[in-house]
Amino acid sequence: MPASVRPEILERVAAVAARLDRHGWGEANGGNLSLQIGPRDLMEPFTPGEVVEATPAGAAAAPGGASAAGGADWPGADRYLLVTATGSRMHEIAADPAGGLCLLGRDGDRLVASAGSRAPTSELPSHRALHAALPPGGAVVHSHCDHLIALSHLPSLRAEGALEAALLPLMPETALFLGGIAALPFTMPGGVELAAATAAALGRADVMVWACHGALAVGPDLETALDRLELAEKAARVWWLIRACGEEPAGIPPDCLARLRRLHGGAPGGPRPPAGGGRP
């Protein structure tokens, strides 16, 4: 159990888990999240515990030279990854965040969990692959968003760029606050192949939809990552409501959409105080 993490960080994790639970996006033990933190975010020195499985030999490379599982060099000696534990439920994390999380760090050339931590989520390869490309303090949230999952089943929206073209014009906020939406074909969960595909999409999107599975978003903090998931899911819900009326979405006029995209760059709700991961 990562009891050494500063309580204000655990409180923010609990708040995000509670939001996911209220949405109904974490049925059973579905969904997971992760957050980078630094040494000053620990109340006591990191104590190595169980060794986490190393990156399989010959794993596909992700952008920047990291392996598909995140690279044997990440997190580095001065970085830690706070990630949901396997089998943890969002409503349990909301009530007791330390009990549902795993703290990962390095012990020499080995990736290890802190002493007392439970095993990390089976989706750890994707989390590590994304964090290898994210700035300090970055966060990843994965959940089972109903309407996005339903859209991922439609053959007409599986072509490259089709899902993004369908959703971004539906609301000003999606155009303003989402860097892009990538639709990835179905890949077996928890593996390095899914991790590599997800990391490869990071350059063009901050929301990735895993076909028949769920969606994942990145951000400078957990709250922003979840904001982005909520925006994408709201757009998907609007799309279904329009189609239920027997109509095709008209969308924001292309010239206005282009102007909104040029304004893109802010995060919903404005800047937030650092979650701690940005400190050395």
C-alpha atoms as a PDB file:
ATOM      1  CA  MET A   1       0.000   0.000   0.000  1.00  0.00           C
ATOM      2  CA  PRO A   2       1.527   3.361  -1.026  1.00  0.00           C
ATOM      3  CA  ALA A   3       0.859   4.941   2.372  1.00  0.00           C
ATOM      4  CA  SER A   4       3.916   7.170   1.982  1.00  0.00           C
ATOM      5  CA  VAL A   5       2.285   9.326  -0.732  1.00  0.00           C
ATOM      6  CA  ARG A   6       1.224  12.793   0.395  1.00  0.00           C
ATOM      7  CA  PRO A   7      -2.446  12.763   1.464  1.00  0.00           C
ATOM      8  CA  GLU A   8      -3.460  15.639  -0.833  1.00  0.00           C
ATOM      9  CA  ILE A   9      -2.429  13.531  -3.850  1.00  0.00           C
ATOM     10  CA  LEU A  10      -4.444  10.574  -2.585  1.00  0.00           C
ATOM     11  CA  GLU A  11      -7.425  12.899  -2.085  1.00  0.00           C
ATOM     12  CA  ARG A  12      -7.252  14.007  -5.727  1.00  0.00           C
ATOM     13  CA  VAL A  13      -7.054  10.391  -6.883  1.00  0.00           C
ATOM     14  CA  ALA A  14     -10.086   9.589  -4.730  1.00  0.00           C
ATOM     15  CA  ALA A  15     -12.051  12.499  -6.232  1.00  0.00           C
ATOM     16  CA  VAL A  16     -11.350  11.354  -9.800  1.00  0.00           C
ATOM     17  CA  ALA A  17     -12.244   7.750  -8.926  1.00  0.00           C
ATOM     18  CA  ALA A  18     -15.519   8.988  -7.440  1.00  0.00           C
ATOM     19  CA  ARG A  19     -16.343  10.858 -10.661  1.00  0.00           C
ATOM     20  CA  LEU A  20     -15.677   7.727 -12.710  1.00  0.00           C
ATOM     21  CA  ASP A  21     -17.864   5.677 -10.401  1.00  0.00           C
ATOM     22  CA  ARG A  22     -20.728   8.195 -10.607  1.00  0.00           C
ATOM     23  CA  HIS A  23     -20.568   8.017 -14.402  1.00  0.00           C
ATOM     24  CA  GLY A  24     -20.866   4.224 -14.242  1.00  0.00           C
ATOM     25  CA  TRP A  25     -17.678   3.852 -16.291  1.00  0.00           C
ATOM     26  CA  GLY A  26     -15.916   1.520 -13.864  1.00  0.00           C
ATOM     27  CA  GLU A  27     -18.263  -1.423 -13.546  1.00  0.00           C
ATOM     28  CA  ALA A  28     -16.835  -4.273 -11.461  1.00  0.00           C
ATOM     29  CA  ASN A  29     -13.088  -3.591 -11.523  1.00  0.00           C
ATOM     30  CA  GLY A  30     -13.135  -1.879 -14.925  1.00  0.00           C
ATOM     31  CA  GLY A  31     -10.985   1.143 -15.680  1.00  0.00           C
ATOM     32  CA  ASN A  32      -7.653   2.319 -14.309  1.00  0.00           C
ATOM     33  CA  LEU A  33      -5.612   5.471 -13.864  1.00  0.00           C
ATOM     34  CA  SER A  34      -2.034   6.554 -13.255  1.00  0.00           C
ATOM     35  CA  LEU A  35      -0.128   9.642 -12.184  1.00  0.00           C
ATOM     36  CA  GLN A  36       3.546  10.592 -12.206  1.00  0.00           C
ATOM     37  CA  ILE A  37       4.957  11.858  -8.929  1.00  0.00           C
ATOM     38  CA  GLY A  38       8.386  12.911  -7.679  1.00  0.00           C
ATOM     39  CA  PRO A  39      10.486  12.254  -4.541  1.00  0.00           C
ATOM     40  CA  ARG A  40       9.011  15.244  -2.699  1.00  0.00           C
ATOM     41  CA  ASP A  41       5.561  13.709  -3.067  1.00  0.00           C
ATOM     42  CA  LEU A  42       6.563  10.871  -0.746  1.00  0.00           C
ATOM     43  CA  MET A  43       6.244  11.131   3.026  1.00  0.00           C
ATOM     44  CA  GLU A  44       9.056   8.624   3.506  1.00  0.00           C
ATOM     45  CA  PRO A  45      11.766   7.060   1.306  1.00  0.00           C
ATOM     46  CA  PHE A  46      10.636   4.598  -1.353  1.00  0.00           C
ATOM     47  CA  THR A  47      11.083   1.037  -0.064  1.00  0.00           C
ATOM     48  CA  PRO A  48      11.395  -1.590  -2.841  1.00  0.00           C
ATOM     49  CA  GLY A  49       9.044  -4.542  -2.684  1.00  0.00           C
ATOM     50  CA  GLU A  50       7.938  -7.032  -5.321  1.00  0.00           C
ATOM     51  CA  VAL A  51       9.686  -6.931  -8.703  1.00  0.00           C
ATOM     52  CA  VAL A  52       7.330  -6.027 -11.575  1.00  0.00           C
ATOM     53  CA  GLU A  53       7.624  -8.148 -14.708  1.00  0.00           C
ATOM     54  CA  ALA A  54      10.300  -6.797 -17.050  1.00  0.00           C
ATOM     55  CA  THR A  55       9.596  -5.748 -20.628  1.00  0.00           C
ATOM     56  CA  PRO A  56       9.421  -8.868 -22.830  1.00  0.00           C
ATOM     57  CA  ALA A  57      12.420  -9.341 -25.109  1.00  0.00           C
ATOM     58  CA  GLY A  58      11.781  -8.144 -28.645  1.00  0.00           C
ATOM     59  CA  ALA A  59       8.840  -5.927 -27.681  1.00  0.00           C
ATOM     60  CA  ALA A  60       7.839  -3.438 -30.342  1.00  0.00           C
ATOM     61  CA  ALA A  61       9.265   0.048 -29.999  1.00  0.00           C
ATOM     62  CA  ALA A  62       7.121   3.065 -29.290  1.00  0.00           C
ATOM     63  CA  PRO A  63       7.873   6.666 -30.323  1.00  0.00           C
ATOM     64  CA  GLY A  64      10.943   8.161 -28.666  1.00  0.00           C
ATOM     65  CA  GLY A  65      12.703   4.832 -28.335  1.00  0.00           C
ATOM     66  CA  ALA A  66      10.637   3.502 -25.444  1.00  0.00           C
ATOM     67  CA  SER A  67       9.542  -0.091 -25.561  1.00  0.00           C
ATOM     68  CA  ALA A  68       5.878  -0.874 -26.006  1.00  0.00           C
ATOM     69  CA  ALA A  69       5.692  -1.613 -22.286  1.00  0.00           C
ATOM     70  CA  GLY A  70       7.076   1.778 -21.405  1.00  0.00           C
ATOM     71  CA  GLY A  71      10.788   1.114 -21.579  1.00  0.00           C
ATOM     72  CA  ALA A  72      13.105  -0.429 -19.028  1.00  0.00           C
ATOM     73  CA  ASP A  73      14.309   3.116 -18.220  1.00  0.00           C
ATOM     74  CA  TRP A  74      10.944   4.538 -17.134  1.00  0.00           C
ATOM     75  CA  PRO A  75      10.085   5.559 -14.553  1.00  0.00           C
ATOM     76  CA  GLY A  76      13.618   6.792 -13.922  1.00  0.00           C
ATOM     77  CA  ALA A  77      15.482   6.840 -10.645  1.00  0.00           C
ATOM     78  CA  ASP A  78      13.887  10.145  -9.601  1.00  0.00           C
ATOM     79  CA  ARG A  79      10.344   9.404 -10.785  1.00  0.00           C
ATOM     80  CA  TYR A  80       7.513   7.231  -9.490  1.00  0.00           C
ATOM     81  CA  LEU A  81       4.261   6.011 -10.987  1.00  0.00           C
ATOM     82  CA  LEU A  82       1.115   5.848  -8.895  1.00  0.00           C
ATOM     83  CA  VAL A  83      -1.242   3.436 -10.657  1.00  0.00           C
ATOM     84  CA  THR A  84      -4.392   1.524  -9.804  1.00  0.00           C
ATOM     85  CA  ALA A  85      -3.858  -1.968  -8.484  1.00  0.00           C
ATOM     86  CA  THR A  86      -5.188  -5.005 -10.289  1.00  0.00           C
ATOM     87  CA  GLY A  87      -8.708  -5.872  -9.210  1.00  0.00           C
ATOM     88  CA  SER A  88      -9.310  -2.486  -7.568  1.00  0.00           C
ATOM     89  CA  ARG A  89     -12.735  -0.897  -7.966  1.00  0.00           C
ATOM     90  CA  MET A  90     -13.330   2.797  -8.479  1.00  0.00           C
ATOM     91  CA  HIS A  91     -15.803   3.070  -5.600  1.00  0.00           C
ATOM     92  CA  GLU A  92     -13.242   1.408  -3.337  1.00  0.00           C
ATOM     93  CA  ILE A  93     -10.490   3.789  -4.472  1.00  0.00           C
ATOM     94  CA  ALA A  94     -12.830   6.716  -3.829  1.00  0.00           C
ATOM     95  CA  ALA A  95     -13.276   5.534  -0.243  1.00  0.00           C
ATOM     96  CA  ASP A  96      -9.715   4.314   0.388  1.00  0.00           C
ATOM     97  CA  PRO A  97      -7.305   5.462  -2.328  1.00  0.00           C
ATOM     98  CA  ALA A  98      -4.133   4.107  -0.696  1.00  0.00           C
ATOM     99  CA  GLY A  99      -5.669   0.646  -0.489  1.00  0.00           C
ATOM    100  CA  GLY A 100      -6.459   0.506  -4.222  1.00  0.00           C
ATOM    101  CA  LEU A 101      -3.205   1.865  -5.619  1.00  0.00           C
ATOM    102  CA  CYS A 102       0.264   0.597  -6.445  1.00  0.00           C
ATOM    103  CA  LEU A 103       3.394   2.747  -6.246  1.00  0.00           C
ATOM    104  CA  LEU A 104       6.100   1.854  -8.772  1.00  0.00           C
ATOM    105  CA  GLY A 105       9.718   2.920  -8.794  1.00  0.00           C
ATOM    106  CA  ARG A 106      13.173   1.612  -9.566  1.00  0.00           C
ATOM    107  CA  ASP A 107      15.600  -0.538  -7.626  1.00  0.00           C
ATOM    108  CA  GLY A 108      18.775  -0.474  -9.674  1.00  0.00           C
ATOM    109  CA  ASP A 109      17.819  -1.778 -13.108  1.00  0.00           C
ATOM    110  CA  ARG A 110      14.571  -3.344 -11.902  1.00  0.00           C
ATOM    111  CA  LEU A 111      11.060  -1.905 -11.896  1.00  0.00           C
ATOM    112  CA  VAL A 112       9.542  -2.643  -8.501  1.00  0.00           C
ATOM    113  CA  ALA A 113       6.422  -1.947  -6.506  1.00  0.00           C
ATOM    114  CA  SER A 114       6.828  -0.276  -3.143  1.00  0.00           C
ATOM    115  CA  ALA A 115       6.791  -2.572  -0.143  1.00  0.00           C
ATOM    116  CA  GLY A 116       3.194  -3.468   0.707  1.00  0.00           C
ATOM    117  CA  SER A 117       1.764  -2.420  -2.659  1.00  0.00           C
ATOM    118  CA  ARG A 118      -0.652  -4.664  -4.490  1.00  0.00           C
ATOM    119  CA  ALA A 119       0.175  -5.769  -8.042  1.00  0.00           C
ATOM    120  CA  PRO A 120      -0.416  -3.046 -10.685  1.00  0.00           C
ATOM    121  CA  THR A 121      -3.235  -3.041 -13.228  1.00  0.00           C
ATOM    122  CA  SER A 122      -2.952  -5.429 -16.174  1.00  0.00           C
ATOM    123  CA  GLU A 123      -2.993  -2.336 -18.423  1.00  0.00           C
ATOM    124  CA  LEU A 124       0.374  -1.221 -17.017  1.00  0.00           C
ATOM    125  CA  PRO A 125       2.111  -1.595 -20.435  1.00  0.00           C
ATOM    126  CA  SER A 126      -0.097   1.138 -21.928  1.00  0.00           C
ATOM    127  CA  HIS A 127       0.339   3.408 -18.920  1.00  0.00           C
ATOM    128  CA  ARG A 128       4.127   3.094 -19.019  1.00  0.00           C
ATOM    129  CA  ALA A 129       4.265   3.614 -22.772  1.00  0.00           C
ATOM    130  CA  LEU A 130       2.273   6.844 -22.478  1.00  0.00           C
ATOM    131  CA  HIS A 131       4.112   8.177 -19.449  1.00  0.00           C
ATOM    132  CA  ALA A 132       7.426   7.682 -21.237  1.00  0.00           C
ATOM    133  CA  ALA A 133       6.268  10.476 -23.582  1.00  0.00           C
ATOM    134  CA  LEU A 134       4.368  12.656 -21.077  1.00  0.00           C
ATOM    135  CA  PRO A 135       5.938  15.552 -19.135  1.00  0.00           C
ATOM    136  CA  PRO A 136       6.507  15.275 -15.357  1.00  0.00           C
ATOM    137  CA  GLY A 137       3.244  15.196 -13.465  1.00  0.00           C
ATOM    138  CA  GLY A 138       1.344  13.732 -16.410  1.00  0.00           C
ATOM    139  CA  ALA A 139      -1.658  11.487 -15.921  1.00  0.00           C
ATOM    140  CA  VAL A 140      -3.616   8.785 -17.746  1.00  0.00           C
ATOM    141  CA  VAL A 141      -7.251   7.786 -17.185  1.00  0.00           C
ATOM    142  CA  HIS A 142      -8.861   4.743 -18.809  1.00  0.00           C
ATOM    143  CA  SER A 143     -12.551   3.950 -18.427  1.00  0.00           C
ATOM    144  CA  HIS A 144     -15.460   2.192 -20.080  1.00  0.00           C
ATOM    145  CA  CYS A 145     -17.453   5.092 -21.581  1.00  0.00           C
ATOM    146  CA  ASP A 146     -20.733   3.661 -22.875  1.00  0.00           C
ATOM    147  CA  HIS A 147     -21.404   5.833 -25.911  1.00  0.00           C
ATOM    148  CA  LEU A 148     -17.811   5.821 -27.125  1.00  0.00           C
ATOM    149  CA  ILE A 149     -17.716   2.029 -26.880  1.00  0.00           C
ATOM    150  CA  ALA A 150     -20.932   1.840 -28.895  1.00  0.00           C
ATOM    151  CA  LEU A 151     -19.507   4.142 -31.580  1.00  0.00           C
ATOM    152  CA  SER A 152     -16.386   1.984 -31.821  1.00  0.00           C
ATOM    153  CA  HIS A 153     -18.556  -0.911 -33.025  1.00  0.00           C
ATOM    154  CA  LEU A 154     -19.749   0.984 -36.126  1.00  0.00           C
ATOM    155  CA  PRO A 155     -17.780  -0.013 -39.257  1.00  0.00           C
ATOM    156  CA  SER A 156     -18.389   3.434 -40.798  1.00  0.00           C
ATOM    157  CA  LEU A 157     -16.453   5.118 -37.957  1.00  0.00           C
ATOM    158  CA  ARG A 158     -13.486   2.761 -37.886  1.00  0.00           C
ATOM    159  CA  ALA A 159     -11.674   4.334 -40.829  1.00  0.00           C
ATOM    160  CA  GLU A 160      -8.705   6.569 -40.034  1.00  0.00           C
ATOM    161  CA  GLY A 161      -9.969   9.936 -38.768  1.00  0.00           C
ATOM    162  CA  ALA A 162     -13.662   9.073 -39.100  1.00  0.00           C
ATOM    163  CA  LEU A 163     -14.503   9.081 -35.401  1.00  0.00           C
ATOM    164  CA  GLU A 164     -12.701  12.359 -34.800  1.00  0.00           C
ATOM    165  CA  ALA A 165     -14.450  13.954 -37.808  1.00  0.00           C
ATOM    166  CA  ALA A 166     -17.806  12.824 -36.408  1.00  0.00           C
ATOM    167  CA  LEU A 167     -17.299  14.094 -32.847  1.00  0.00           C
ATOM    168  CA  LEU A 168     -15.146  17.229 -32.872  1.00  0.00           C
ATOM    169  CA  PRO A 169     -17.700  19.405 -34.787  1.00  0.00           C
ATOM    170  CA  LEU A 170     -20.566  18.605 -32.400  1.00  0.00           C
ATOM    171  CA  MET A 171     -19.726  21.132 -29.670  1.00  0.00           C
ATOM    172  CA  PRO A 172     -17.351  24.112 -29.378  1.00  0.00           C
ATOM    173  CA  GLU A 173     -15.748  22.504 -26.318  1.00  0.00           C
ATOM    174  CA  THR A 174     -14.652  19.384 -28.167  1.00  0.00           C
ATOM    175  CA  ALA A 175     -12.928  21.495 -30.796  1.00  0.00           C
ATOM    176  CA  LEU A 176     -11.399  23.818 -28.208  1.00  0.00           C
ATOM    177  CA  PHE A 177     -10.219  21.409 -25.550  1.00  0.00           C
ATOM    178  CA  LEU A 178      -9.478  18.110 -27.284  1.00  0.00           C
ATOM    179  CA  GLY A 179      -6.222  17.757 -29.194  1.00  0.00           C
ATOM    180  CA  GLY A 180      -7.689  14.881 -31.166  1.00  0.00           C
ATOM    181  CA  ILE A 181      -9.541  11.571 -30.899  1.00  0.00           C
ATOM    182  CA  ALA A 182      -7.862   8.426 -32.191  1.00  0.00           C
ATOM    183  CA  ALA A 183      -9.884   5.270 -32.888  1.00  0.00           C
ATOM    184  CA  LEU A 184      -7.767   2.136 -32.474  1.00  0.00           C
ATOM    185  CA  PRO A 185      -8.773  -1.294 -33.776  1.00  0.00           C
ATOM    186  CA  PHE A 186      -9.516  -4.037 -31.292  1.00  0.00           C
ATOM    187  CA  THR A 187      -6.373  -5.422 -29.705  1.00  0.00           C
ATOM    188  CA  MET A 188      -6.181  -7.861 -26.822  1.00  0.00           C
ATOM    189  CA  PRO A 189      -6.189  -5.915 -23.541  1.00  0.00           C
ATOM    190  CA  GLY A 190      -3.139  -5.662 -21.353  1.00  0.00           C
ATOM    191  CA  GLY A 191      -0.455  -6.386 -23.926  1.00  0.00           C
ATOM    192  CA  VAL A 192       2.500  -4.613 -25.475  1.00  0.00           C
ATOM    193  CA  GLU A 193       0.772  -4.512 -28.889  1.00  0.00           C
ATOM    194  CA  LEU A 194      -2.036  -2.357 -27.482  1.00  0.00           C
ATOM    195  CA  ALA A 195       0.531  -0.254 -25.608  1.00  0.00           C
ATOM    196  CA  ALA A 196       2.529   0.408 -28.785  1.00  0.00           C
ATOM    197  CA  ALA A 197      -0.575   1.371 -30.788  1.00  0.00           C
ATOM    198  CA  THR A 198      -1.775   3.683 -28.025  1.00  0.00           C
ATOM    199  CA  ALA A 199       1.602   5.399 -27.645  1.00  0.00           C
ATOM    200  CA  ALA A 200       1.848   5.829 -31.430  1.00  0.00           C
ATOM    201  CA  ALA A 201      -1.486   7.713 -31.390  1.00  0.00           C
ATOM    202  CA  LEU A 202      -0.297  10.160 -28.731  1.00  0.00           C
ATOM    203  CA  GLY A 203       1.214  12.527 -31.282  1.00  0.00           C
ATOM    204  CA  ARG A 204      -2.164  13.191 -32.905  1.00  0.00           C
ATOM    205  CA  ALA A 205      -4.660  12.716 -30.071  1.00  0.00           C
ATOM    206  CA  ASP A 206      -5.150  13.083 -26.339  1.00  0.00           C
ATOM    207  CA  VAL A 207      -8.168  10.757 -26.314  1.00  0.00           C
ATOM    208  CA  MET A 208      -7.794   7.208 -27.620  1.00  0.00           C
ATOM    209  CA  VAL A 209     -10.807   4.947 -28.142  1.00  0.00           C
ATOM    210  CA  TRP A 210     -10.040   1.252 -27.839  1.00  0.00           C
ATOM    211  CA  ALA A 211     -12.567  -0.557 -30.056  1.00  0.00           C
ATOM    212  CA  CYS A 212     -15.116  -2.642 -28.129  1.00  0.00           C
ATOM    213  CA  HIS A 213     -13.265  -1.864 -24.901  1.00  0.00           C
ATOM    214  CA  GLY A 214     -13.309   1.752 -23.714  1.00  0.00           C
ATOM    215  CA  ALA A 215     -11.456   5.033 -23.946  1.00  0.00           C
ATOM    216  CA  LEU A 216      -8.300   6.507 -22.504  1.00  0.00           C
ATOM    217  CA  ALA A 217      -7.164  10.108 -22.127  1.00  0.00           C
ATOM    218  CA  VAL A 218      -3.945  11.817 -21.099  1.00  0.00           C
ATOM    219  CA  GLY A 219      -3.420  15.170 -19.442  1.00  0.00           C
ATOM    220  CA  PRO A 220      -1.086  17.276 -17.333  1.00  0.00           C
ATOM    221  CA  ASP A 221      -3.040  16.017 -14.312  1.00  0.00           C
ATOM    222  CA  LEU A 222      -5.746  13.476 -13.522  1.00  0.00           C
ATOM    223  CA  GLU A 223      -8.545  16.034 -13.542  1.00  0.00           C
ATOM    224  CA  THR A 224      -7.729  17.273 -17.046  1.00  0.00           C
ATOM    225  CA  ALA A 225      -7.412  13.737 -18.397  1.00  0.00           C
ATOM    226  CA  LEU A 226     -10.881  12.948 -17.032  1.00  0.00           C
ATOM    227  CA  ASP A 227     -12.246  16.268 -18.362  1.00  0.00           C
ATOM    228  CA  ARG A 228     -11.160  15.160 -21.818  1.00  0.00           C
ATOM    229  CA  LEU A 229     -12.831  11.777 -21.452  1.00  0.00           C
ATOM    230  CA  GLU A 230     -16.036  13.461 -20.298  1.00  0.00           C
ATOM    231  CA  LEU A 231     -16.012  15.818 -23.291  1.00  0.00           C
ATOM    232  CA  ALA A 232     -15.463  12.989 -25.769  1.00  0.00           C
ATOM    233  CA  GLU A 233     -18.205  10.900 -24.166  1.00  0.00           C
ATOM    234  CA  LYS A 234     -20.614  13.874 -24.136  1.00  0.00           C
ATOM    235  CA  ALA A 235     -20.005  14.356 -27.856  1.00  0.00           C
ATOM    236  CA  ALA A 236     -20.645  10.662 -28.455  1.00  0.00           C
ATOM    237  CA  ARG A 237     -23.906  10.902 -26.490  1.00  0.00           C
ATOM    238  CA  VAL A 238     -24.995  13.929 -28.542  1.00  0.00           C
ATOM    239  CA  TRP A 239     -24.182  12.007 -31.750  1.00  0.00           C
ATOM    240  CA  TRP A 240     -26.430   9.122 -30.676  1.00  0.00           C
ATOM    241  CA  LEU A 241     -29.271  11.469 -29.676  1.00  0.00           C
ATOM    242  CA  ILE A 242     -29.238  13.119 -33.098  1.00  0.00           C
ATOM    243  CA  ARG A 243     -29.143   9.778 -34.897  1.00  0.00           C
ATOM    244  CA  ALA A 244     -32.026   8.532 -32.734  1.00  0.00           C
ATOM    245  CA  CYS A 245     -34.107  11.326 -34.290  1.00  0.00           C
ATOM    246  CA  GLY A 246     -33.364   9.886 -37.720  1.00  0.00           C
ATOM    247  CA  GLU A 247     -31.140  12.814 -38.664  1.00  0.00           C
ATOM    248  CA  GLU A 248     -27.474  13.290 -39.507  1.00  0.00           C
ATOM    249  CA  PRO A 249     -25.519  15.734 -37.301  1.00  0.00           C
ATOM    250  CA  ALA A 250     -25.097  19.076 -39.066  1.00  0.00           C
ATOM    251  CA  GLY A 251     -22.075  20.014 -37.005  1.00  0.00           C
ATOM    252  CA  ILE A 252     -20.376  23.369 -36.479  1.00  0.00           C
ATOM    253  CA  PRO A 253     -19.744  25.138 -39.816  1.00  0.00           C
ATOM    254  CA  PRO A 254     -16.271  24.259 -41.136  1.00  0.00           C
ATOM    255  CA  ASP A 255     -14.950  27.834 -41.028  1.00  0.00           C
ATOM    256  CA  CYS A 256     -16.017  28.235 -37.394  1.00  0.00           C
ATOM    257  CA  LEU A 257     -14.614  24.826 -36.546  1.00  0.00           C
ATOM    258  CA  ALA A 258     -11.261  25.835 -38.016  1.00  0.00           C
ATOM    259  CA  ARG A 259     -11.259  29.019 -35.916  1.00  0.00           C
ATOM    260  CA  LEU A 260     -12.031  27.019 -32.770  1.00  0.00           C
ATOM    261  CA  ARG A 261      -9.228  24.578 -33.532  1.00  0.00           C
ATOM    262  CA  ARG A 262      -6.787  27.468 -33.887  1.00  0.00           C
ATOM    263  CA  LEU A 263      -7.783  28.526 -30.377  1.00  0.00           C
ATOM    264  CA  HIS A 264      -7.179  25.016 -29.017  1.00  0.00           C
ATOM    265  CA  GLY A 265      -4.646  24.673 -26.253  1.00  0.00           C
ATOM    266  CA  GLY A 266      -6.417  25.366 -22.991  1.00  0.00           C
ATOM    267  CA  ALA A 267      -7.714  22.789 -20.556  1.00  0.00           C
ATOM    268  CA  PRO A 268     -11.353  22.714 -19.448  1.00  0.00           C
ATOM    269  CA  GLY A 269     -11.755  24.714 -16.260  1.00  0.00           C
ATOM    270  CA  GLY A 270      -8.489  26.620 -16.657  1.00  0.00           C
ATOM    271  CA  PRO A 271      -5.112  25.950 -15.048  1.00  0.00           C
ATOM    272  CA  ARG A 272      -4.921  23.796 -11.928  1.00  0.00           C
ATOM    273  CA  PRO A 273      -2.471  23.685  -9.051  1.00  0.00           C
ATOM    274  CA  PRO A 274       0.234  21.067  -9.641  1.00  0.00           C
ATOM    275  CA  ALA A 275      -0.557  17.578  -8.377  1.00  0.00           C
ATOM    276  CA  GLY A 276       3.008  17.273  -7.164  1.00  0.00           C
ATOM    277  CA  GLY A 277       4.479  15.326 -10.043  1.00  0.00           C
ATOM    278  CA  GLY A 278       6.192  18.389 -11.476  1.00  0.00           C
ATOM    279  CA  ARG A 279       8.529  18.828  -8.511  1.00  0.00           C
ATOM    280  CA  PRO A 280      12.004  17.276  -8.565  1.00  0.00           C
END
